[in-house]
PDB file of N, CA and C in Angstrom:
ATOM      1  N   MET A   1    -172.197 141.958  43.096  1.00  0.00           N
ATOM      2  CA  MET A   1    -172.517 142.025  41.691  1.00  0.00           C
ATOM      3  C   MET A   1    -171.569 143.015  41.014  1.00  0.00           C
ATOM      4  N   THR A   2    -171.099 142.678  39.829  1.00  0.00           N
ATOM      5  CA  THR A   2    -170.222 143.584  39.092  1.00  0.00           C
ATOM      6  C   THR A   2    -171.010 144.292  37.990  1.00  0.00           C
ATOM      7  N   TYR A   3    -170.536 145.454  37.644  1.00  0.00           N
ATOM      8  CA  TYR A   3    -171.145 146.250  36.577  1.00  0.00           C
ATOM      9  C   TYR A   3    -170.093 146.526  35.523  1.00  0.00           C
ATOM     10  N   VAL A   4    -170.545 146.683  34.289  1.00  0.00           N
ATOM     11  CA  VAL A   4    -169.643 146.884  33.158  1.00  0.00           C
ATOM     12  C   VAL A   4    -169.990 148.196  32.467  1.00  0.00           C
ATOM     13  N   VAL A   5    -168.972 149.014  32.234  1.00  0.00           N
ATOM     14  CA  VAL A   5    -169.110 150.195  31.385  1.00  0.00           C
ATOM     15  C   VAL A   5    -168.611 149.783  30.010  1.00  0.00           C
ATOM     16  N   TYR A   6    -169.388 150.092  28.973  1.00  0.00           N
ATOM     17  CA  TYR A   6    -169.042 149.614  27.638  1.00  0.00           C
ATOM     18  C   TYR A   6    -169.172 150.717  26.595  1.00  0.00           C
ATOM     19  N   LEU A   7    -168.465 150.510  25.489  1.00  0.00           N
ATOM     20  CA  LEU A   7    -168.520 151.409  24.338  1.00  0.00           C
ATOM     21  C   LEU A   7    -168.876 150.574  23.124  1.00  0.00           C
ATOM     22  N   LEU A   8    -169.940 150.975  22.439  1.00  0.00           N
ATOM     23  CA  LEU A   8    -170.383 150.293  21.225  1.00  0.00           C
ATOM     24  C   LEU A   8    -170.099 151.176  20.023  1.00  0.00           C
ATOM     25  N   VAL A   9    -169.870 150.557  18.873  1.00  0.00           N
ATOM     26  CA  VAL A   9    -169.741 151.306  17.622  1.00  0.00           C
ATOM     27  C   VAL A   9    -170.557 150.631  16.536  1.00  0.00           C
ATOM     28  N   THR A  10    -170.926 151.428  15.564  1.00  0.00           N
ATOM     29  CA  THR A  10    -171.584 150.933  14.366  1.00  0.00           C
ATOM     30  C   THR A  10    -171.282 151.907  13.234  1.00  0.00           C
ATOM     31  N   LYS A  11    -171.439 151.433  12.038  1.00  0.00           N
ATOM     32  CA  LYS A  11    -171.198 152.288  10.872  1.00  0.00           C
ATOM     33  C   LYS A  11    -172.535 152.633  10.231  1.00  0.00           C
ATOM     34  N   THR A  12    -172.783 153.914  10.081  1.00  0.00           N
ATOM     35  CA  THR A  12    -173.963 154.361   9.352  1.00  0.00           C
ATOM     36  C   THR A  12    -173.551 154.496   7.897  1.00  0.00           C
ATOM     37  N   LYS A  13    -174.409 155.046   7.115  1.00  0.00           N
ATOM     38  CA  LYS A  13    -174.104 155.200   5.699  1.00  0.00           C
ATOM     39  C   LYS A  13    -172.869 156.078   5.472  1.00  0.00           C
ATOM     40  N   TYR A  14    -172.677 157.066   6.335  1.00  0.00           N
ATOM     41  CA  TYR A  14    -171.615 158.039   6.105  1.00  0.00           C
ATOM     42  C   TYR A  14    -170.495 158.066   7.138  1.00  0.00           C
ATOM     43  N   LYS A  15    -170.747 157.551   8.355  1.00  0.00           N
ATOM     44  CA  LYS A  15    -169.720 157.666   9.389  1.00  0.00           C
ATOM     45  C   LYS A  15    -169.908 156.593  10.460  1.00  0.00           C
ATOM     46  N   TRP A  16    -168.891 156.481  11.318  1.00  0.00           N
ATOM     47  CA  TRP A  16    -168.942 155.583  12.475  1.00  0.00           C
ATOM     48  C   TRP A  16    -169.505 156.368  13.648  1.00  0.00           C
ATOM     49  N   ILE A  17    -170.408 155.748  14.408  1.00  0.00           N
ATOM     50  CA  ILE A  17    -170.945 156.387  15.599  1.00  0.00           C
ATOM     51  C   ILE A  17    -170.744 155.470  16.801  1.00  0.00           C
ATOM     52  N   SER A  18    -170.774 156.062  17.985  1.00  0.00           N
ATOM     53  CA  SER A  18    -170.529 155.281  19.194  1.00  0.00           C
ATOM     54  C   SER A  18    -171.626 155.534  20.226  1.00  0.00           C
ATOM     55  N   TYR A  19    -171.704 154.629  21.182  1.00  0.00           N
ATOM     56  CA  TYR A  19    -172.675 154.706  22.274  1.00  0.00           C
ATOM     57  C   TYR A  19    -172.011 154.169  23.537  1.00  0.00           C
ATOM     58  N   VAL A  20    -172.207 154.840  24.657  1.00  0.00           N
ATOM     59  CA  VAL A  20    -171.638 154.423  25.933  1.00  0.00           C
ATOM     60  C   VAL A  20    -172.769 154.079  26.889  1.00  0.00           C
ATOM     61  N   GLY A  21    -172.587 152.993  27.634  1.00  0.00           N
ATOM     62  CA  GLY A  21    -173.584 152.610  28.619  1.00  0.00           C
ATOM     63  C   GLY A  21    -172.963 151.781  29.729  1.00  0.00           C
ATOM     64  N   TYR A  22    -173.815 151.372  30.675  1.00  0.00           N
ATOM     65  CA  TYR A  22    -173.356 150.467  31.732  1.00  0.00           C
ATOM     66  C   TYR A  22    -174.444 149.432  31.979  1.00  0.00           C
ATOM     67  N   THR A  23    -174.049 148.278  32.487  1.00  0.00           N
ATOM     68  CA  THR A  23    -174.983 147.193  32.734  1.00  0.00           C
ATOM     69  C   THR A  23    -174.371 146.208  33.715  1.00  0.00           C
ATOM     70  N   ASN A  24    -175.211 145.292  34.200  1.00  0.00           N
ATOM     71  CA  ASN A  24    -174.683 144.207  35.023  1.00  0.00           C
ATOM     72  C   ASN A  24    -174.649 142.898  34.244  1.00  0.00           C
ATOM     73  N   ASN A  25    -175.136 142.909  32.985  1.00  0.00           N
ATOM     74  CA  ASN A  25    -175.113 141.727  32.124  1.00  0.00           C
ATOM     75  C   ASN A  25    -174.827 142.173  30.691  1.00  0.00           C
ATOM     76  N   ILE A  26    -173.572 142.162  30.308  1.00  0.00           N
ATOM     77  CA  ILE A  26    -173.152 142.713  29.019  1.00  0.00           C
ATOM     78  C   ILE A  26    -173.720 141.941  27.828  1.00  0.00           C
ATOM     79  N   LYS A  27    -173.814 140.619  27.930  1.00  0.00           N
ATOM     80  CA  LYS A  27    -174.332 139.824  26.817  1.00  0.00           C
ATOM     81  C   LYS A  27    -175.788 140.160  26.525  1.00  0.00           C
ATOM     82  N   ASN A  28    -176.613 140.200  27.575  1.00  0.00           N
ATOM     83  CA  ASN A  28    -178.021 140.525  27.379  1.00  0.00           C
ATOM     84  C   ASN A  28    -178.216 141.954  26.908  1.00  0.00           C
ATOM     85  N   ARG A  29    -177.381 142.863  27.392  1.00  0.00           N
ATOM     86  CA  ARG A  29    -177.501 144.267  26.995  1.00  0.00           C
ATOM     87  C   ARG A  29    -177.178 144.446  25.519  1.00  0.00           C
ATOM     88  N   LEU A  30    -176.137 143.767  25.031  1.00  0.00           N
ATOM     89  CA  LEU A  30    -175.803 143.857  23.614  1.00  0.00           C
ATOM     90  C   LEU A  30    -176.929 143.267  22.762  1.00  0.00           C
ATOM     91  N   LEU A  31    -177.487 142.149  23.194  1.00  0.00           N
ATOM     92  CA  LEU A  31    -178.624 141.564  22.477  1.00  0.00           C
ATOM     93  C   LEU A  31    -179.799 142.531  22.427  1.00  0.00           C
ATOM     94  N   ALA A  32    -180.056 143.202  23.527  1.00  0.00           N
ATOM     95  CA  ALA A  32    -181.148 144.183  23.563  1.00  0.00           C
ATOM     96  C   ALA A  32    -180.890 145.312  22.573  1.00  0.00           C
ATOM     97  N   HIS A  33    -179.675 145.845  22.558  1.00  0.00           N
ATOM     98  CA  HIS A  33    -179.345 146.919  21.615  1.00  0.00           C
ATOM     99  C   HIS A  33    -179.524 146.449  20.172  1.00  0.00           C
ATOM    100  N   ASN A  34    -179.069 145.249  19.863  1.00  0.00           N
ATOM    101  CA  ASN A  34    -179.135 144.756  18.486  1.00  0.00           C
ATOM    102  C   ASN A  34    -180.513 144.237  18.091  1.00  0.00           C
ATOM    103  N   ASN A  35    -181.415 144.073  19.063  1.00  0.00           N
ATOM    104  CA  ASN A  35    -182.778 143.620  18.767  1.00  0.00           C
ATOM    105  C   ASN A  35    -183.807 144.717  18.997  1.00  0.00           C
ATOM    106  N   ASN A  36    -183.376 145.961  18.882  1.00  0.00           N
ATOM    107  CA  ASN A  36    -184.252 147.129  18.975  1.00  0.00           C
ATOM    108  C   ASN A  36    -184.963 147.251  20.320  1.00  0.00           C
ATOM    109  N   LYS A  37    -184.347 146.764  21.384  1.00  0.00           N
ATOM    110  CA  LYS A  37    -184.944 146.867  22.710  1.00  0.00           C
ATOM    111  C   LYS A  37    -184.043 147.621  23.672  1.00  0.00           C
ATOM    112  N   GLY A  38    -182.972 148.169  23.164  1.00  0.00           N
ATOM    113  CA  GLY A  38    -182.059 148.937  24.007  1.00  0.00           C
ATOM    114  C   GLY A  38    -182.469 150.393  24.025  1.00  0.00           C
ATOM    115  N   ALA A  39    -181.534 151.256  24.272  1.00  0.00           N
ATOM    116  CA  ALA A  39    -181.783 152.695  24.280  1.00  0.00           C
ATOM    117  C   ALA A  39    -182.310 153.142  22.918  1.00  0.00           C
ATOM    118  N   LYS A  40    -183.140 154.164  22.912  1.00  0.00           N
ATOM    119  CA  LYS A  40    -183.760 154.637  21.668  1.00  0.00           C
ATOM    120  C   LYS A  40    -182.716 154.972  20.600  1.00  0.00           C
ATOM    121  N   PHE A  41    -181.613 155.566  21.005  1.00  0.00           N
ATOM    122  CA  PHE A  41    -180.556 155.938  20.064  1.00  0.00           C
ATOM    123  C   PHE A  41    -179.973 154.732  19.332  1.00  0.00           C
ATOM    124  N   THR A  42    -179.960 153.574  19.975  1.00  0.00           N
ATOM    125  CA  THR A  42    -179.305 152.399  19.401  1.00  0.00           C
ATOM    126  C   THR A  42    -180.221 151.564  18.511  1.00  0.00           C
ATOM    127  N   ARG A  43    -181.499 151.865  18.481  1.00  0.00           N
ATOM    128  CA  ARG A  43    -182.446 151.041  17.725  1.00  0.00           C
ATOM    129  C   ARG A  43    -182.208 151.131  16.224  1.00  0.00           C
ATOM    130  N   GLY A  44    -182.375 149.986  15.558  1.00  0.00           N
ATOM    131  CA  GLY A  44    -182.255 149.944  14.109  1.00  0.00           C
ATOM    132  C   GLY A  44    -180.845 149.807  13.585  1.00  0.00           C
ATOM    133  N   ARG A  45    -179.900 149.555  14.469  1.00  0.00           N
ATOM    134  CA  ARG A  45    -178.509 149.418  14.061  1.00  0.00           C
ATOM    135  C   ARG A  45    -177.926 148.151  14.659  1.00  0.00           C
ATOM    136  N   LYS A  46    -176.855 147.650  14.056  1.00  0.00           N
ATOM    137  CA  LYS A  46    -176.118 146.509  14.593  1.00  0.00           C
ATOM    138  C   LYS A  46    -174.846 147.028  15.243  1.00  0.00           C
ATOM    139  N   TRP A  47    -174.678 146.736  16.527  1.00  0.00           N
ATOM    140  CA  TRP A  47    -173.598 147.278  17.331  1.00  0.00           C
ATOM    141  C   TRP A  47    -172.544 146.235  17.647  1.00  0.00           C
ATOM    142  N   GLU A  48    -171.335 146.719  17.856  1.00  0.00           N
ATOM    143  CA  GLU A  48    -170.190 145.880  18.216  1.00  0.00           C
ATOM    144  C   GLU A  48    -169.548 146.495  19.459  1.00  0.00           C
ATOM    145  N   ILE A  49    -169.257 145.676  20.466  1.00  0.00           N
ATOM    146  CA  ILE A  49    -168.572 146.164  21.669  1.00  0.00           C
ATOM    147  C   ILE A  49    -167.087 146.306  21.355  1.00  0.00           C
ATOM    148  N   ILE A  50    -166.537 147.508  21.614  1.00  0.00           N
ATOM    149  CA  ILE A  50    -165.108 147.697  21.373  1.00  0.00           C
ATOM    150  C   ILE A  50    -164.352 147.989  22.660  1.00  0.00           C
ATOM    151  N   TYR A  51    -165.072 148.262  23.732  1.00  0.00           N
ATOM    152  CA  TYR A  51    -164.422 148.553  25.016  1.00  0.00           C
ATOM    153  C   TYR A  51    -165.365 148.150  26.138  1.00  0.00           C
ATOM    154  N   GLN A  52    -164.814 147.518  27.155  1.00  0.00           N
ATOM    155  CA  GLN A  52    -165.591 147.243  28.355  1.00  0.00           C
ATOM    156  C   GLN A  52    -164.657 147.180  29.560  1.00  0.00           C
ATOM    157  N   LYS A  53    -165.154 147.674  30.679  1.00  0.00           N
ATOM    158  CA  LYS A  53    -164.377 147.660  31.913  1.00  0.00           C
ATOM    159  C   LYS A  53    -165.328 147.372  33.071  1.00  0.00           C
ATOM    160  N   ARG A  54    -164.908 146.463  33.956  1.00  0.00           N
ATOM    161  CA  ARG A  54    -165.739 146.021  35.079  1.00  0.00           C
ATOM    162  C   ARG A  54    -165.485 146.858  36.332  1.00  0.00           C
ATOM    163  N   TYR A  55    -166.565 147.040  37.101  1.00  0.00           N
ATOM    164  CA  TYR A  55    -166.506 147.762  38.369  1.00  0.00           C
ATOM    165  C   TYR A  55    -167.263 146.970  39.426  1.00  0.00           C
ATOM    166  N   LYS A  56    -166.856 147.139  40.687  1.00  0.00           N
ATOM    167  CA  LYS A  56    -167.433 146.349  41.769  1.00  0.00           C
ATOM    168  C   LYS A  56    -168.803 146.838  42.222  1.00  0.00           C
ATOM    169  N   ASN A  57    -169.117 148.114  41.973  1.00  0.00           N
ATOM    170  CA  ASN A  57    -170.428 148.588  42.392  1.00  0.00           C
ATOM    171  C   ASN A  57    -171.044 149.522  41.361  1.00  0.00           C
ATOM    172  N   LYS A  58    -172.343 149.694  41.469  1.00  0.00           N
ATOM    173  CA  LYS A  58    -173.102 150.453  40.489  1.00  0.00           C
ATOM    174  C   LYS A  58    -172.721 151.933  40.469  1.00  0.00           C
ATOM    175  N   SER A  59    -172.526 152.518  41.626  1.00  0.00           N
ATOM    176  CA  SER A  59    -172.232 153.948  41.668  1.00  0.00           C
ATOM    177  C   SER A  59    -170.906 154.281  40.981  1.00  0.00           C
ATOM    178  N   THR A  60    -169.911 153.446  41.170  1.00  0.00           N
ATOM    179  CA  THR A  60    -168.623 153.663  40.491  1.00  0.00           C
ATOM    180  C   THR A  60    -168.791 153.497  38.985  1.00  0.00           C
ATOM    181  N   ALA A  61    -169.532 152.487  38.580  1.00  0.00           N
ATOM    182  CA  ALA A  61    -169.762 152.269  37.146  1.00  0.00           C
ATOM    183  C   ALA A  61    -170.491 153.455  36.520  1.00  0.00           C
ATOM    184  N   MET A  62    -171.477 153.990  37.218  1.00  0.00           N
ATOM    185  CA  MET A  62    -172.221 155.139  36.693  1.00  0.00           C
ATOM    186  C   MET A  62    -171.327 156.371  36.558  1.00  0.00           C
ATOM    187  N   LYS A  63    -170.442 156.577  37.520  1.00  0.00           N
ATOM    188  CA  LYS A  63    -169.516 157.708  37.449  1.00  0.00           C
ATOM    189  C   LYS A  63    -168.559 157.552  36.276  1.00  0.00           C
ATOM    190  N   GLU A  64    -168.054 156.335  36.086  1.00  0.00           N
ATOM    191  CA  GLU A  64    -167.119 156.093  34.982  1.00  0.00           C
ATOM    192  C   GLU A  64    -167.825 156.172  33.630  1.00  0.00           C
ATOM    193  N   GLU A  65    -169.073 155.730  33.572  1.00  0.00           N
ATOM    194  CA  GLU A  65    -169.850 155.859  32.324  1.00  0.00           C
ATOM    195  C   GLU A  65    -169.991 157.333  31.966  1.00  0.00           C
ATOM    196  N   TYR A  66    -170.324 158.147  32.934  1.00  0.00           N
ATOM    197  CA  TYR A  66    -170.477 159.574  32.704  1.00  0.00           C
ATOM    198  C   TYR A  66    -169.179 160.190  32.186  1.00  0.00           C
ATOM    199  N   LYS A  67    -168.052 159.811  32.804  1.00  0.00           N
ATOM    200  CA  LYS A  67    -166.748 160.330  32.364  1.00  0.00           C
ATOM    201  C   LYS A  67    -166.453 159.944  30.923  1.00  0.00           C
ATOM    202  N   LEU A  68    -166.717 158.673  30.560  1.00  0.00           N
ATOM    203  CA  LEU A  68    -166.448 158.209  29.204  1.00  0.00           C
ATOM    204  C   LEU A  68    -167.364 158.900  28.201  1.00  0.00           C
ATOM    205  N   LYS A  69    -168.618 159.127  28.575  1.00  0.00           N
ATOM    206  CA  LYS A  69    -169.536 159.833  27.677  1.00  0.00           C
ATOM    207  C   LYS A  69    -169.030 161.231  27.366  1.00  0.00           C
ATOM    208  N   LYS A  70    -168.442 161.887  28.351  1.00  0.00           N
ATOM    209  CA  LYS A  70    -167.961 163.256  28.166  1.00  0.00           C
ATOM    210  C   LYS A  70    -166.576 163.337  27.544  1.00  0.00           C
ATOM    211  N   ASP A  71    -165.813 162.258  27.596  1.00  0.00           N
ATOM    212  CA  ASP A  71    -164.438 162.250  27.093  1.00  0.00           C
ATOM    213  C   ASP A  71    -164.414 161.871  25.607  1.00  0.00           C
ATOM    214  N   LYS A  72    -164.705 162.833  24.763  1.00  0.00           N
ATOM    215  CA  LYS A  72    -164.775 162.595  23.312  1.00  0.00           C
ATOM    216  C   LYS A  72    -163.426 162.150  22.750  1.00  0.00           C
ATOM    217  N   LYS A  73    -162.351 162.660  23.327  1.00  0.00           N
ATOM    218  CA  LYS A  73    -161.019 162.306  22.836  1.00  0.00           C
ATOM    219  C   LYS A  73    -160.752 160.812  23.029  1.00  0.00           C
ATOM    220  N   LYS A  74    -161.024 160.299  24.221  1.00  0.00           N
ATOM    221  CA  LYS A  74    -160.809 158.875  24.497  1.00  0.00           C
ATOM    222  C   LYS A  74    -161.717 158.014  23.621  1.00  0.00           C
ATOM    223  N   ARG A  75    -162.970 158.425  23.469  1.00  0.00           N
ATOM    224  CA  ARG A  75    -163.903 157.670  22.618  1.00  0.00           C
ATOM    225  C   ARG A  75    -163.406 157.615  21.177  1.00  0.00           C
ATOM    226  N   ASN A  76    -162.918 158.732  20.672  1.00  0.00           N
ATOM    227  CA  ASN A  76    -162.412 158.775  19.296  1.00  0.00           C
ATOM    228  C   ASN A  76    -161.162 157.933  19.127  1.00  0.00           C
ATOM    229  N   ILE A  77    -160.289 157.918  20.134  1.00  0.00           N
ATOM    230  CA  ILE A  77    -159.089 157.082  20.059  1.00  0.00           C
ATOM    231  C   ILE A  77    -159.477 155.611  20.013  1.00  0.00           C
ATOM    232  N   LEU A  78    -160.385 155.202  20.898  1.00  0.00           N
ATOM    233  CA  LEU A  78    -160.843 153.806  20.909  1.00  0.00           C
ATOM    234  C   LEU A  78    -161.509 153.436  19.582  1.00  0.00           C
ATOM    235  N   LYS A  79    -162.330 154.340  19.087  1.00  0.00           N
ATOM    236  CA  LYS A  79    -163.045 154.093  17.831  1.00  0.00           C
ATOM    237  C   LYS A  79    -162.067 154.000  16.660  1.00  0.00           C
ATOM    238  N   THR A  80    -161.118 154.913  16.595  1.00  0.00           N
ATOM    239  CA  THR A  80    -160.133 154.922  15.511  1.00  0.00           C
ATOM    240  C   THR A  80    -159.286 153.666  15.527  1.00  0.00           C
ATOM    241  N   ASN A  81    -158.828 153.258  16.699  1.00  0.00           N
ATOM    242  CA  ASN A  81    -158.036 152.027  16.802  1.00  0.00           C
ATOM    243  C   ASN A  81    -158.842 150.818  16.338  1.00  0.00           C
ATOM    244  N   TYR A  82    -160.107 150.760  16.713  1.00  0.00           N
ATOM    245  CA  TYR A  82    -160.970 149.652  16.302  1.00  0.00           C
ATOM    246  C   TYR A  82    -161.153 149.638  14.784  1.00  0.00           C
ATOM    247  N   ILE A  83    -161.415 150.785  14.215  1.00  0.00           N
ATOM    248  CA  ILE A  83    -161.648 150.875  12.765  1.00  0.00           C
ATOM    249  C   ILE A  83    -160.392 150.467  11.996  1.00  0.00           C
ATOM    250  N   LYS A  84    -159.223 150.907  12.459  1.00  0.00           N
ATOM    251  CA  LYS A  84    -157.971 150.545  11.793  1.00  0.00           C
ATOM    252  C   LYS A  84    -157.734 149.044  11.815  1.00  0.00           C
ATOM    253  N   LYS A  85    -158.061 148.396  12.944  1.00  0.00           N
ATOM    254  CA  LYS A  85    -157.870 146.951  13.053  1.00  0.00           C
ATOM    255  C   LYS A  85    -158.895 146.166  12.237  1.00  0.00           C
ATOM    256  N   ASN A  86    -160.050 146.745  12.006  1.00  0.00           N
ATOM    257  CA  ASN A  86    -161.155 146.031  11.374  1.00  0.00           C
ATOM    258  C   ASN A  86    -161.704 146.753  10.149  1.00  0.00           C
ATOM    259  N   GLU A  87    -160.819 147.268   9.312  1.00  0.00           N
ATOM    260  CA  GLU A  87    -161.258 148.063   8.168  1.00  0.00           C
ATOM    261  C   GLU A  87    -162.193 147.305   7.247  1.00  0.00           C
ATOM    262  N   ASN A  88    -162.062 145.999   7.167  1.00  0.00           N
ATOM    263  CA  ASN A  88    -162.882 145.234   6.239  1.00  0.00           C
ATOM    264  C   ASN A  88    -164.102 144.608   6.899  1.00  0.00           C
ATOM    265  N   ILE A  89    -164.402 145.003   8.133  1.00  0.00           N
ATOM    266  CA  ILE A  89    -165.534 144.387   8.835  1.00  0.00           C
ATOM    267  C   ILE A  89    -166.851 144.851   8.220  1.00  0.00           C
ATOM    268  N   ASN A  90    -167.787 143.938   8.145  1.00  0.00           N
ATOM    269  CA  ASN A  90    -169.107 144.255   7.625  1.00  0.00           C
ATOM    270  C   ASN A  90    -170.093 144.098   8.780  1.00  0.00           C
ATOM    271  N   ILE A  91    -170.384 145.182   9.479  1.00  0.00           N
ATOM    272  CA  ILE A  91    -171.242 145.114  10.659  1.00  0.00           C
ATOM    273  C   ILE A  91    -172.641 144.648  10.288  1.00  0.00           C
ATOM    274  N   ALA A  92    -173.139 144.976   9.113  1.00  0.00           N
ATOM    275  CA  ALA A  92    -174.477 144.543   8.721  1.00  0.00           C
ATOM    276  C   ALA A  92    -174.577 143.021   8.680  1.00  0.00           C
ATOM    277  N   ALA A  93    -173.466 142.347   8.490  1.00  0.00           N
ATOM    278  CA  ALA A  93    -173.486 140.894   8.410  1.00  0.00           C
ATOM    279  C   ALA A  93    -173.409 140.230   9.783  1.00  0.00           C
ATOM    280  N   LEU A  94    -173.164 141.007  10.832  1.00  0.00           N
ATOM    281  CA  LEU A  94    -173.054 140.435  12.182  1.00  0.00           C
ATOM    282  C   LEU A  94    -174.398 140.037  12.731  1.00  0.00           C
TER     283      LEU A  94
END
């Protein structure tokens, strides 16, 4: 079974925020986040996946998720690149 480490973004009224997680089913996990059944932090918002990377086992995925959560610089670079490419995106309409 493969696991995926992912980075989600959404725009609040004033700024862009991100969330990092891991799962073995990325499609269902995104649906859960967008249907208020994901992590408490993600409820009430519409999220977009901007980064995902696959791993062969759960322990490696968990270690990489932890690293990405702590690496604010990498998260900001990914977020900034996404925002620049999609400046006119309307996440509320997704």
